[in-house]
Amino acid sequence: MPTAKGFADDDDKRDIRNQRQDLRQDQRQLEKLRQQRDHEISEGDKGETREYNGKIRDLQKDMRKDQRELKGEQRENRRDHDHGDD
C-alpha cells in the first residue's frame, strides 16, 4: 500500500521555508523597532524608548523560540530522512 511520505517531505520542506521567511521578516521588523527606539532616544522621549525596548525584547524572545523550534524540526526531518521510516 503506497504512503504519502513523499508528499509529507515536500510539505515539511515548504513549512521550513515559510518559517525561515517569517524569521527574516521578524529580523527586519526588529531592525525597524531598533531604529524607532534610537530615534526616540535622540528625541529624549524616555517613555517611548521604554515601550520600544519592551517590543524589542518581546520580538527577540519570540524569534529565539521560533529558531529553537525550527532547528528541532530540521533535526527531526533529517533523522526521519536518514533512517528511512520504512
Protein backbone atom coordinates (compact mmCIF):
# COMPACT_ATOMS: atom_id res chain seq x y z
CA MET A 1 0.00 0.00 0.00
CA PRO A 2 1.60 3.32 -1.04
CA THR A 3 2.05 6.04 1.53
CA ALA A 4 2.07 9.81 1.22
CA LYS A 5 5.54 10.11 2.74
CA GLY A 6 6.91 11.83 -0.37
CA PHE A 7 4.25 14.48 -0.07
CA ALA A 8 4.90 14.89 3.64
CA ASP A 9 8.59 15.51 2.93
CA ASP A 10 7.65 18.24 0.44
CA ASP A 11 5.24 19.78 2.94
CA ASP A 12 7.93 19.73 5.64
CA LYS A 13 10.40 21.48 3.34
CA ARG A 14 7.82 24.09 2.36
CA ASP A 15 6.90 24.65 6.02
CA ILE A 16 10.56 25.11 6.97
CA ARG A 17 11.00 27.59 4.10
CA ASN A 18 7.95 29.52 5.33
CA GLN A 19 9.30 29.55 8.87
CA ARG A 20 12.65 30.84 7.65
CA GLN A 21 10.86 33.57 5.69
CA ASP A 22 8.93 34.50 8.83
CA LEU A 23 12.18 34.76 10.76
CA ARG A 24 13.65 37.05 8.09
CA GLN A 25 10.56 39.26 8.33
CA ASP A 26 10.87 39.31 12.11
CA GLN A 27 14.52 40.33 11.74
CA ARG A 28 13.52 43.24 9.51
CA GLN A 29 10.82 44.25 11.99
CA LEU A 30 13.39 44.08 14.80
CA GLU A 31 15.69 46.41 12.89
CA LYS A 32 12.82 48.88 12.34
CA LEU A 33 11.97 48.81 16.05
CA ARG A 34 15.59 49.46 16.93
CA GLN A 35 15.71 52.41 14.55
CA GLN A 36 12.50 53.83 16.00
CA ARG A 37 13.84 53.34 19.52
CA ASP A 38 17.08 55.09 18.60
CA HIS A 39 15.07 57.98 17.18
CA GLU A 40 13.10 58.26 20.42
CA ILE A 41 16.37 58.21 22.38
CA SER A 42 17.67 61.09 20.27
CA GLU A 43 14.39 62.95 20.87
CA GLY A 44 14.77 62.37 24.61
CA ASP A 45 11.42 60.56 24.98
CA LYS A 46 12.15 58.02 27.72
CA GLY A 47 8.59 56.68 27.83
CA GLU A 48 8.56 55.82 24.13
CA THR A 49 12.07 54.42 24.43
CA ARG A 50 10.90 52.05 27.18
CA GLU A 51 7.98 50.93 25.04
CA TYR A 52 10.25 50.18 22.10
CA ASN A 53 12.68 48.34 24.38
CA GLY A 54 9.79 46.16 25.56
CA LYS A 55 8.68 45.46 21.99
CA ILE A 56 12.26 44.62 21.03
CA ARG A 57 12.66 42.24 23.96
CA ASP A 58 9.36 40.51 23.16
CA LEU A 59 10.24 40.11 19.50
CA GLN A 60 13.71 38.78 20.31
CA LYS A 61 12.20 36.28 22.75
CA ASP A 62 9.71 35.10 20.10
CA MET A 63 12.46 34.84 17.49
CA ARG A 64 14.67 32.71 19.77
CA LYS A 65 11.72 30.41 20.47
CA ASP A 66 10.93 30.13 16.75
CA GLN A 67 14.59 29.45 15.92
CA ARG A 68 14.76 26.66 18.50
CA GLU A 69 11.58 25.11 17.13
CA LEU A 70 12.83 25.37 13.55
CA LYS A 71 16.15 23.74 14.44
CA GLY A 72 14.28 20.94 16.22
CA GLU A 73 12.07 20.34 13.21
CA GLN A 74 15.04 20.34 10.87
CA ARG A 75 16.86 17.88 13.12
CA GLU A 76 13.78 15.65 13.27
CA ASN A 77 13.31 15.77 9.48
CA ARG A 78 16.96 14.84 8.91
CA ARG A 79 16.69 11.98 11.37
CA ASP A 80 13.49 10.70 9.73
CA HIS A 81 15.05 11.04 6.28
CA ASP A 82 18.33 9.36 7.34
CA HIS A 83 16.51 6.42 8.96
CA GLY A 84 14.14 5.97 6.06
CA ASP A 85 10.95 5.48 8.16
CA ASP A 86 10.10 2.24 6.37
